[in-house]
Amino acid sequence: MPIITISRGSYYHGKSIAEKLAKRLGYTCFSRDQILENLDKFHLPEIKLVRGLNDAFSVLDRFPHGKKRFKTAIRSAILQHFLHRNVIYHGLLGHHFVNNISHVLKVRIIADTDKRVADEMARENISEEKARYTLKKDDDERRKWGMFLYGIDLMDPAMYNMTLRIGHLSEDEAVDLIANAVSLPSFQETKESKEALANSALHALVSDKLFDFPNAVVVAQSGAVVISLKVPEDQQSVIRERIQEMLTNVDGMNELTIRFDTYF
């Protein structure tokens, strides 16, 4: 069955549509917020905020290789969920991790500006002016977050298979359209797309487990993992044992090769 990602330009509608769609299809639904709650390596309350993403830029700088480590942890967690199949992810950037996987339907949900403003006014009990300012700030920060972490524009329509605007189109009608699209032959799993997802997920999982070796280069193909890194010669045996221990019982890995490059 196809995987569905929903990028929510409108927080409320993206979440609601994902939940309705999951119920319709019998899928499991999960969100970016749930992923962040389980990132044990990053106890960063600022990053978990729906707003204030700008602050997270400096937060990641507190960690050595913080940006790379955070990206690796997020990617691994999301791809591990995708391996379970029959899942819908709603939140930032889920589509980016599977941009080369054909059996993923990538959807962007947006809403009429006036409706977003009205929803924000009611939800936060604020003025129209404050609501417009807040929504613009949210959109700008989310766009910056995508550029900061991955160098991608979240609003680029080329990154999605469908963009649906809620306003004249209702949530239930959007659910109908997505449910119909997911049954198309173009989004059905193939042997090649299944293997591509498995390779990506294994690569991400191994990279995440090598948290203490952020500069290690990982290649994963059909269960075989090759790790290359620079280590002083007198430390290579110790590092080899440590990596082997860290990667004990990794799901999907049936072969491990560790290569040490010349260290200057």
C-alpha atoms as a PDB file:
ATOM      1  CA  MET A   1       0.000   0.000   0.000  1.00  0.00           C
ATOM      2  CA  PRO A   2       1.197   3.547  -0.692  1.00  0.00           C
ATOM      3  CA  ILE A   3       2.591   5.820   2.009  1.00  0.00           C
ATOM      4  CA  ILE A   4       1.107   9.311   2.333  1.00  0.00           C
ATOM      5  CA  THR A   5       2.868  12.451   3.501  1.00  0.00           C
ATOM      6  CA  ILE A   6       0.940  15.630   4.216  1.00  0.00           C
ATOM      7  CA  SER A   7       2.799  18.889   4.423  1.00  0.00           C
ATOM      8  CA  ARG A   8       0.548  21.252   6.280  1.00  0.00           C
ATOM      9  CA  GLY A   9       0.667  24.863   5.226  1.00  0.00           C
ATOM     10  CA  SER A  10      -2.331  25.139   7.522  1.00  0.00           C
ATOM     11  CA  TYR A  11      -1.659  23.349  10.828  1.00  0.00           C
ATOM     12  CA  TYR A  12      -5.276  22.659  11.730  1.00  0.00           C
ATOM     13  CA  HIS A  13      -6.453  21.386   8.337  1.00  0.00           C
ATOM     14  CA  GLY A  14      -3.353  19.257   7.698  1.00  0.00           C
ATOM     15  CA  LYS A  15      -3.785  17.409  10.971  1.00  0.00           C
ATOM     16  CA  SER A  16      -7.535  17.007  10.593  1.00  0.00           C
ATOM     17  CA  ILE A  17      -7.323  15.719   7.026  1.00  0.00           C
ATOM     18  CA  ALA A  18      -4.566  13.273   7.952  1.00  0.00           C
ATOM     19  CA  GLU A  19      -6.656  11.842  10.793  1.00  0.00           C
ATOM     20  CA  LYS A  20      -9.810  11.568   8.661  1.00  0.00           C
ATOM     21  CA  LEU A  21      -7.855   9.947   5.853  1.00  0.00           C
ATOM     22  CA  ALA A  22      -6.238   7.447   8.241  1.00  0.00           C
ATOM     23  CA  LYS A  23      -9.668   6.439   9.489  1.00  0.00           C
ATOM     24  CA  ARG A  24     -10.991   6.078   5.927  1.00  0.00           C
ATOM     25  CA  LEU A  25      -8.059   3.940   4.733  1.00  0.00           C
ATOM     26  CA  GLY A  26      -7.331   2.046   7.938  1.00  0.00           C
ATOM     27  CA  TYR A  27      -3.877   3.620   8.088  1.00  0.00           C
ATOM     28  CA  THR A  28      -1.758   4.613  11.080  1.00  0.00           C
ATOM     29  CA  CYS A  29      -1.320   8.363  11.434  1.00  0.00           C
ATOM     30  CA  PHE A  30       1.709  10.012  13.042  1.00  0.00           C
ATOM     31  CA  SER A  31       3.091  13.540  13.210  1.00  0.00           C
ATOM     32  CA  ARG A  32       6.287  15.524  13.487  1.00  0.00           C
ATOM     33  CA  ASP A  33       5.393  16.380  17.075  1.00  0.00           C
ATOM     34  CA  GLN A  34       5.244  12.680  17.983  1.00  0.00           C
ATOM     35  CA  ILE A  35       8.628  12.112  16.362  1.00  0.00           C
ATOM     36  CA  LEU A  36      10.186  14.970  18.319  1.00  0.00           C
ATOM     37  CA  GLU A  37       8.804  13.675  21.591  1.00  0.00           C
ATOM     38  CA  ASN A  38      10.873  10.523  21.145  1.00  0.00           C
ATOM     39  CA  LEU A  39      14.171  12.098  20.117  1.00  0.00           C
ATOM     40  CA  ASP A  40      15.982  11.146  23.297  1.00  0.00           C
ATOM     41  CA  LYS A  41      19.282  12.539  22.047  1.00  0.00           C
ATOM     42  CA  PHE A  42      17.792  16.016  21.717  1.00  0.00           C
ATOM     43  CA  HIS A  43      16.101  17.345  24.821  1.00  0.00           C
ATOM     44  CA  LEU A  44      15.346  20.628  23.116  1.00  0.00           C
ATOM     45  CA  PRO A  45      12.043  22.179  24.150  1.00  0.00           C
ATOM     46  CA  GLU A  46      12.611  25.093  21.770  1.00  0.00           C
ATOM     47  CA  ILE A  47      12.619  22.778  18.745  1.00  0.00           C
ATOM     48  CA  LYS A  48       9.409  21.137  19.885  1.00  0.00           C
ATOM     49  CA  LEU A  49       7.508  24.406  19.784  1.00  0.00           C
ATOM     50  CA  VAL A  50       5.018  24.866  16.996  1.00  0.00           C
ATOM     51  CA  ARG A  51       6.299  28.410  16.814  1.00  0.00           C
ATOM     52  CA  GLY A  52       9.678  29.992  17.484  1.00  0.00           C
ATOM     53  CA  LEU A  53      11.577  27.858  14.972  1.00  0.00           C
ATOM     54  CA  ASN A  54      14.036  30.687  14.544  1.00  0.00           C
ATOM     55  CA  ASP A  55      15.236  30.037  18.076  1.00  0.00           C
ATOM     56  CA  ALA A  56      16.016  26.443  17.178  1.00  0.00           C
ATOM     57  CA  PHE A  57      18.768  27.557  14.792  1.00  0.00           C
ATOM     58  CA  SER A  58      20.937  28.661  17.680  1.00  0.00           C
ATOM     59  CA  VAL A  59      19.823  25.737  19.864  1.00  0.00           C
ATOM     60  CA  LEU A  60      21.335  23.183  17.473  1.00  0.00           C
ATOM     61  CA  ASP A  61      24.626  25.051  17.613  1.00  0.00           C
ATOM     62  CA  ARG A  62      24.957  24.007  21.252  1.00  0.00           C
ATOM     63  CA  PHE A  63      25.723  20.468  20.081  1.00  0.00           C
ATOM     64  CA  PRO A  64      28.858  19.406  18.187  1.00  0.00           C
ATOM     65  CA  HIS A  65      27.630  18.742  14.646  1.00  0.00           C
ATOM     66  CA  GLY A  66      24.175  19.552  16.032  1.00  0.00           C
ATOM     67  CA  LYS A  67      22.526  20.353  12.712  1.00  0.00           C
ATOM     68  CA  LYS A  68      23.733  17.158  11.034  1.00  0.00           C
ATOM     69  CA  ARG A  69      22.877  15.014  14.048  1.00  0.00           C
ATOM     70  CA  PHE A  70      19.375  16.438  14.314  1.00  0.00           C
ATOM     71  CA  LYS A  71      18.717  15.853  10.612  1.00  0.00           C
ATOM     72  CA  THR A  72      19.938  12.271  10.895  1.00  0.00           C
ATOM     73  CA  ALA A  73      17.783  11.539  13.949  1.00  0.00           C
ATOM     74  CA  ILE A  74      14.623  12.984  12.369  1.00  0.00           C
ATOM     75  CA  ARG A  75      15.194  11.174   9.074  1.00  0.00           C
ATOM     76  CA  SER A  76      15.811   7.833  10.753  1.00  0.00           C
ATOM     77  CA  ALA A  77      12.729   8.070  12.973  1.00  0.00           C
ATOM     78  CA  ILE A  78      10.412   8.955  10.092  1.00  0.00           C
ATOM     79  CA  LEU A  79      11.780   6.307   7.716  1.00  0.00           C
ATOM     80  CA  GLN A  80      11.479   3.601  10.354  1.00  0.00           C
ATOM     81  CA  HIS A  81       7.773   4.448  10.618  1.00  0.00           C
ATOM     82  CA  PHE A  82       7.449   4.314   6.826  1.00  0.00           C
ATOM     83  CA  LEU A  83       8.787   0.756   6.779  1.00  0.00           C
ATOM     84  CA  HIS A  84       5.623  -0.335   8.593  1.00  0.00           C
ATOM     85  CA  ARG A  85       3.590   0.631   5.497  1.00  0.00           C
ATOM     86  CA  ASN A  86       0.005   1.893   5.549  1.00  0.00           C
ATOM     87  CA  VAL A  87       1.052   5.102   7.282  1.00  0.00           C
ATOM     88  CA  ILE A  88       0.277   8.791   6.953  1.00  0.00           C
ATOM     89  CA  TYR A  89       2.773  11.361   8.167  1.00  0.00           C
ATOM     90  CA  HIS A  90       1.735  14.977   8.666  1.00  0.00           C
ATOM     91  CA  GLY A  91       4.206  17.721   9.453  1.00  0.00           C
ATOM     92  CA  LEU A  92       7.301  19.458   8.183  1.00  0.00           C
ATOM     93  CA  LEU A  93       9.640  17.843   5.682  1.00  0.00           C
ATOM     94  CA  GLY A  94       8.391  14.243   5.717  1.00  0.00           C
ATOM     95  CA  HIS A  95       8.084  14.293   1.934  1.00  0.00           C
ATOM     96  CA  HIS A  96      11.736  15.307   1.522  1.00  0.00           C
ATOM     97  CA  PHE A  97      13.057  12.019   2.954  1.00  0.00           C
ATOM     98  CA  VAL A  98      11.173   9.965   0.365  1.00  0.00           C
ATOM     99  CA  ASN A  99      11.437  12.212  -2.676  1.00  0.00           C
ATOM    100  CA  ASN A 100      12.870   9.290  -4.688  1.00  0.00           C
ATOM    101  CA  ILE A 101      10.348   6.675  -3.498  1.00  0.00           C
ATOM    102  CA  SER A 102       7.597   6.151  -6.077  1.00  0.00           C
ATOM    103  CA  HIS A 103       4.995   4.561  -3.789  1.00  0.00           C
ATOM    104  CA  VAL A 104       4.698   7.694  -1.650  1.00  0.00           C
ATOM    105  CA  LEU A 105       1.885  10.163  -2.343  1.00  0.00           C
ATOM    106  CA  LYS A 106       3.152  13.593  -1.320  1.00  0.00           C
ATOM    107  CA  VAL A 107       0.376  16.080  -0.526  1.00  0.00           C
ATOM    108  CA  ARG A 108       0.495  19.760   0.374  1.00  0.00           C
ATOM    109  CA  ILE A 109      -2.505  21.198   2.255  1.00  0.00           C
ATOM    110  CA  ILE A 110      -3.013  24.946   2.207  1.00  0.00           C
ATOM    111  CA  ALA A 111      -5.989  27.123   3.138  1.00  0.00           C
ATOM    112  CA  ASP A 112      -7.528  30.417   2.053  1.00  0.00           C
ATOM    113  CA  THR A 113      -5.813  33.270   3.864  1.00  0.00           C
ATOM    114  CA  ASP A 114      -9.053  34.745   5.188  1.00  0.00           C
ATOM    115  CA  LYS A 115     -10.115  31.366   6.569  1.00  0.00           C
ATOM    116  CA  ARG A 116      -6.734  30.840   8.212  1.00  0.00           C
ATOM    117  CA  VAL A 117      -6.984  34.265   9.805  1.00  0.00           C
ATOM    118  CA  ALA A 118     -10.505  33.572  11.075  1.00  0.00           C
ATOM    119  CA  ASP A 119      -9.434  30.200  12.494  1.00  0.00           C
ATOM    120  CA  GLU A 120      -6.430  31.775  14.209  1.00  0.00           C
ATOM    121  CA  MET A 121      -8.534  34.567  15.694  1.00  0.00           C
ATOM    122  CA  ALA A 122     -10.992  32.055  17.139  1.00  0.00           C
ATOM    123  CA  ARG A 123      -8.348  29.621  18.357  1.00  0.00           C
ATOM    124  CA  GLU A 124      -6.124  32.211  20.056  1.00  0.00           C
ATOM    125  CA  ASN A 125      -8.775  34.856  20.835  1.00  0.00           C
ATOM    126  CA  ILE A 126      -6.750  37.592  19.141  1.00  0.00           C
ATOM    127  CA  SER A 127      -7.408  40.453  16.740  1.00  0.00           C
ATOM    128  CA  GLU A 128      -7.369  40.113  12.955  1.00  0.00           C
ATOM    129  CA  GLU A 129      -4.175  42.176  12.751  1.00  0.00           C
ATOM    130  CA  LYS A 130      -2.419  39.980  15.305  1.00  0.00           C
ATOM    131  CA  ALA A 131      -3.655  36.821  13.584  1.00  0.00           C
ATOM    132  CA  ARG A 132      -2.321  37.931  10.182  1.00  0.00           C
ATOM    133  CA  TYR A 133       1.034  38.863  11.708  1.00  0.00           C
ATOM    134  CA  THR A 134       1.296  35.536  13.543  1.00  0.00           C
ATOM    135  CA  LEU A 135       0.442  33.450  10.486  1.00  0.00           C
ATOM    136  CA  LYS A 136       2.944  35.307   8.304  1.00  0.00           C
ATOM    137  CA  LYS A 137       5.622  34.816  10.945  1.00  0.00           C
ATOM    138  CA  ASP A 138       4.779  31.101  11.151  1.00  0.00           C
ATOM    139  CA  ASP A 139       5.012  30.675   7.382  1.00  0.00           C
ATOM    140  CA  ASP A 140       8.304  32.580   7.169  1.00  0.00           C
ATOM    141  CA  GLU A 141       9.886  30.586   9.979  1.00  0.00           C
ATOM    142  CA  ARG A 142       8.815  27.221   8.586  1.00  0.00           C
ATOM    143  CA  ARG A 143      10.213  28.194   5.206  1.00  0.00           C
ATOM    144  CA  LYS A 144      13.491  29.258   6.817  1.00  0.00           C
ATOM    145  CA  TRP A 145      13.606  25.993   8.763  1.00  0.00           C
ATOM    146  CA  GLY A 146      13.427  23.981   5.537  1.00  0.00           C
ATOM    147  CA  MET A 147      16.149  26.086   3.947  1.00  0.00           C
ATOM    148  CA  PHE A 148      18.323  25.997   7.080  1.00  0.00           C
ATOM    149  CA  LEU A 149      18.248  22.224   7.504  1.00  0.00           C
ATOM    150  CA  TYR A 150      17.920  20.901   3.967  1.00  0.00           C
ATOM    151  CA  GLY A 151      18.241  23.774   1.529  1.00  0.00           C
ATOM    152  CA  ILE A 152      14.710  23.195   0.207  1.00  0.00           C
ATOM    153  CA  ASP A 153      11.712  25.475  -0.228  1.00  0.00           C
ATOM    154  CA  LEU A 154       8.684  23.970   1.508  1.00  0.00           C
ATOM    155  CA  MET A 155       6.409  25.955  -0.804  1.00  0.00           C
ATOM    156  CA  ASP A 156       7.898  24.607  -4.042  1.00  0.00           C
ATOM    157  CA  PRO A 157       4.967  22.820  -5.772  1.00  0.00           C
ATOM    158  CA  ALA A 158       7.387  20.549  -7.642  1.00  0.00           C
ATOM    159  CA  MET A 159       8.043  18.692  -4.383  1.00  0.00           C
ATOM    160  CA  TYR A 160       4.460  17.419  -4.147  1.00  0.00           C
ATOM    161  CA  ASN A 161       2.152  15.213  -6.174  1.00  0.00           C
ATOM    162  CA  MET A 162      -0.926  17.162  -5.055  1.00  0.00           C
ATOM    163  CA  THR A 163      -1.576  20.601  -3.594  1.00  0.00           C
ATOM    164  CA  LEU A 164      -5.083  21.068  -2.188  1.00  0.00           C
ATOM    165  CA  ARG A 165      -6.500  24.412  -1.047  1.00  0.00           C
ATOM    166  CA  ILE A 166      -9.103  24.262   1.693  1.00  0.00           C
ATOM    167  CA  GLY A 167     -11.746  26.942   1.321  1.00  0.00           C
ATOM    168  CA  HIS A 168     -14.062  26.297  -1.589  1.00  0.00           C
ATOM    169  CA  LEU A 169     -12.826  22.693  -1.241  1.00  0.00           C
ATOM    170  CA  SER A 170     -13.858  21.125   2.075  1.00  0.00           C
ATOM    171  CA  GLU A 171     -11.763  18.817   4.254  1.00  0.00           C
ATOM    172  CA  ASP A 172     -13.987  15.854   3.403  1.00  0.00           C
ATOM    173  CA  GLU A 173     -13.642  16.554  -0.313  1.00  0.00           C
ATOM    174  CA  ALA A 174      -9.865  16.741   0.112  1.00  0.00           C
ATOM    175  CA  VAL A 175      -9.963  13.348   1.837  1.00  0.00           C
ATOM    176  CA  ASP A 176     -11.958  11.950  -1.111  1.00  0.00           C
ATOM    177  CA  LEU A 177      -9.404  13.261  -3.618  1.00  0.00           C
ATOM    178  CA  ILE A 178      -6.418  11.868  -1.713  1.00  0.00           C
ATOM    179  CA  ALA A 179      -8.118   8.506  -1.140  1.00  0.00           C
ATOM    180  CA  ASN A 180      -8.830   8.233  -4.862  1.00  0.00           C
ATOM    181  CA  ALA A 181      -5.295   9.257  -5.838  1.00  0.00           C
ATOM    182  CA  VAL A 182      -3.663   6.731  -3.518  1.00  0.00           C
ATOM    183  CA  SER A 183      -5.349   3.911  -5.437  1.00  0.00           C
ATOM    184  CA  LEU A 184      -3.734   4.910  -8.742  1.00  0.00           C
ATOM    185  CA  PRO A 185      -1.135   2.548 -10.254  1.00  0.00           C
ATOM    186  CA  SER A 186       1.521   5.274 -10.104  1.00  0.00           C
ATOM    187  CA  PHE A 187       1.644   5.116  -6.303  1.00  0.00           C
ATOM    188  CA  GLN A 188       1.627   1.349  -5.800  1.00  0.00           C
ATOM    189  CA  GLU A 189       4.618  -0.339  -4.225  1.00  0.00           C
ATOM    190  CA  THR A 190       7.036  -2.104  -6.563  1.00  0.00           C
ATOM    191  CA  LYS A 191      10.001  -4.331  -5.840  1.00  0.00           C
ATOM    192  CA  GLU A 192      12.295  -1.453  -6.762  1.00  0.00           C
ATOM    193  CA  SER A 193      10.521   1.172  -4.668  1.00  0.00           C
ATOM    194  CA  LYS A 194      10.351  -1.188  -1.671  1.00  0.00           C
ATOM    195  CA  GLU A 195      14.089  -1.826  -1.909  1.00  0.00           C
ATOM    196  CA  ALA A 196      14.824   1.890  -2.303  1.00  0.00           C
ATOM    197  CA  LEU A 197      12.892   2.648   0.888  1.00  0.00           C
ATOM    198  CA  ALA A 198      14.623  -0.182   2.757  1.00  0.00           C
ATOM    199  CA  ASN A 199      18.040   1.115   1.664  1.00  0.00           C
ATOM    200  CA  SER A 200      17.200   4.664   2.742  1.00  0.00           C
ATOM    201  CA  ALA A 201      15.844   3.509   6.097  1.00  0.00           C
ATOM    202  CA  LEU A 202      18.864   1.301   6.802  1.00  0.00           C
ATOM    203  CA  HIS A 203      21.253   4.095   5.863  1.00  0.00           C
ATOM    204  CA  ALA A 204      19.424   6.495   8.169  1.00  0.00           C
ATOM    205  CA  LEU A 205      19.265   4.009  11.058  1.00  0.00           C
ATOM    206  CA  VAL A 206      22.975   3.185  10.894  1.00  0.00           C
ATOM    207  CA  SER A 207      23.895   6.863  10.600  1.00  0.00           C
ATOM    208  CA  ASP A 208      21.757   7.652  13.623  1.00  0.00           C
ATOM    209  CA  LYS A 209      23.308   4.872  15.708  1.00  0.00           C
ATOM    210  CA  LEU A 210      26.748   6.219  14.822  1.00  0.00           C
ATOM    211  CA  PHE A 211      25.850   9.327  16.815  1.00  0.00           C
ATOM    212  CA  ASP A 212      29.414   9.611  18.177  1.00  0.00           C
ATOM    213  CA  PHE A 213      30.876   9.433  14.673  1.00  0.00           C
ATOM    214  CA  PRO A 214      29.048  12.189  12.767  1.00  0.00           C
ATOM    215  CA  ASN A 215      31.705  12.286  10.042  1.00  0.00           C
ATOM    216  CA  ALA A 216      31.392   8.600   9.181  1.00  0.00           C
ATOM    217  CA  VAL A 217      30.310   7.923   5.596  1.00  0.00           C
ATOM    218  CA  VAL A 218      27.621   5.244   5.362  1.00  0.00           C
ATOM    219  CA  VAL A 219      26.526   3.281   2.298  1.00  0.00           C
ATOM    220  CA  ALA A 220      23.638   0.806   2.558  1.00  0.00           C
ATOM    221  CA  GLN A 221      22.518  -1.493  -0.240  1.00  0.00           C
ATOM    222  CA  SER A 222      20.398  -4.650   0.003  1.00  0.00           C
ATOM    223  CA  GLY A 223      21.270  -5.186   3.660  1.00  0.00           C
ATOM    224  CA  ALA A 224      25.019  -4.664   3.185  1.00  0.00           C
ATOM    225  CA  VAL A 225      26.445  -1.673   5.055  1.00  0.00           C
ATOM    226  CA  VAL A 226      29.835  -0.107   4.376  1.00  0.00           C
ATOM    227  CA  ILE A 227      31.192   2.486   6.824  1.00  0.00           C
ATOM    228  CA  SER A 228      34.192   4.661   5.999  1.00  0.00           C
ATOM    229  CA  LEU A 229      35.880   7.055   8.393  1.00  0.00           C
ATOM    230  CA  LYS A 230      39.227   8.575   9.235  1.00  0.00           C
ATOM    231  CA  VAL A 231      40.810   7.256  12.422  1.00  0.00           C
ATOM    232  CA  PRO A 232      44.434   7.263  13.642  1.00  0.00           C
ATOM    233  CA  GLU A 233      46.008   3.877  13.021  1.00  0.00           C
ATOM    234  CA  ASP A 234      46.631   3.181  16.701  1.00  0.00           C
ATOM    235  CA  GLN A 235      42.895   3.615  17.453  1.00  0.00           C
ATOM    236  CA  GLN A 236      41.450   1.603  14.602  1.00  0.00           C
ATOM    237  CA  SER A 237      40.998  -1.694  16.441  1.00  0.00           C
ATOM    238  CA  VAL A 238      39.241   0.012  19.356  1.00  0.00           C
ATOM    239  CA  ILE A 239      36.991   2.034  17.041  1.00  0.00           C
ATOM    240  CA  ARG A 240      36.159  -1.064  14.985  1.00  0.00           C
ATOM    241  CA  GLU A 241      35.019  -2.941  18.093  1.00  0.00           C
ATOM    242  CA  ARG A 242      33.007   0.023  19.290  1.00  0.00           C
ATOM    243  CA  ILE A 243      31.195   0.433  15.972  1.00  0.00           C
ATOM    244  CA  GLN A 244      30.462  -3.275  15.771  1.00  0.00           C
ATOM    245  CA  GLU A 245      28.982  -3.118  19.260  1.00  0.00           C
ATOM    246  CA  MET A 246      26.898  -0.042  18.408  1.00  0.00           C
ATOM    247  CA  LEU A 247      25.475  -1.778  15.347  1.00  0.00           C
ATOM    248  CA  THR A 248      24.666  -5.111  16.946  1.00  0.00           C
ATOM    249  CA  ASN A 249      21.248  -6.439  15.882  1.00  0.00           C
ATOM    250  CA  VAL A 250      20.402  -3.612  13.484  1.00  0.00           C
ATOM    251  CA  ASP A 251      17.183  -4.496  11.673  1.00  0.00           C
ATOM    252  CA  GLY A 252      17.733  -5.027   7.974  1.00  0.00           C
ATOM    253  CA  MET A 253      21.544  -5.253   8.118  1.00  0.00           C
ATOM    254  CA  ASN A 254      23.052  -8.621   7.155  1.00  0.00           C
ATOM    255  CA  GLU A 255      26.613  -7.564   6.350  1.00  0.00           C
ATOM    256  CA  LEU A 256      28.932  -4.916   7.825  1.00  0.00           C
ATOM    257  CA  THR A 257      32.211  -3.630   6.389  1.00  0.00           C
ATOM    258  CA  ILE A 258      34.265  -0.981   8.188  1.00  0.00           C
ATOM    259  CA  ARG A 259      36.934   0.862   6.231  1.00  0.00           C
ATOM    260  CA  PHE A 260      39.474   3.267   7.662  1.00  0.00           C
ATOM    261  CA  ASP A 261      40.818   6.011   5.419  1.00  0.00           C
ATOM    262  CA  THR A 262      44.250   7.572   5.799  1.00  0.00           C
ATOM    263  CA  TYR A 263      44.251   9.977   8.732  1.00  0.00           C
ATOM    264  CA  PHE A 264      46.307  13.170   8.442  1.00  0.00           C
END
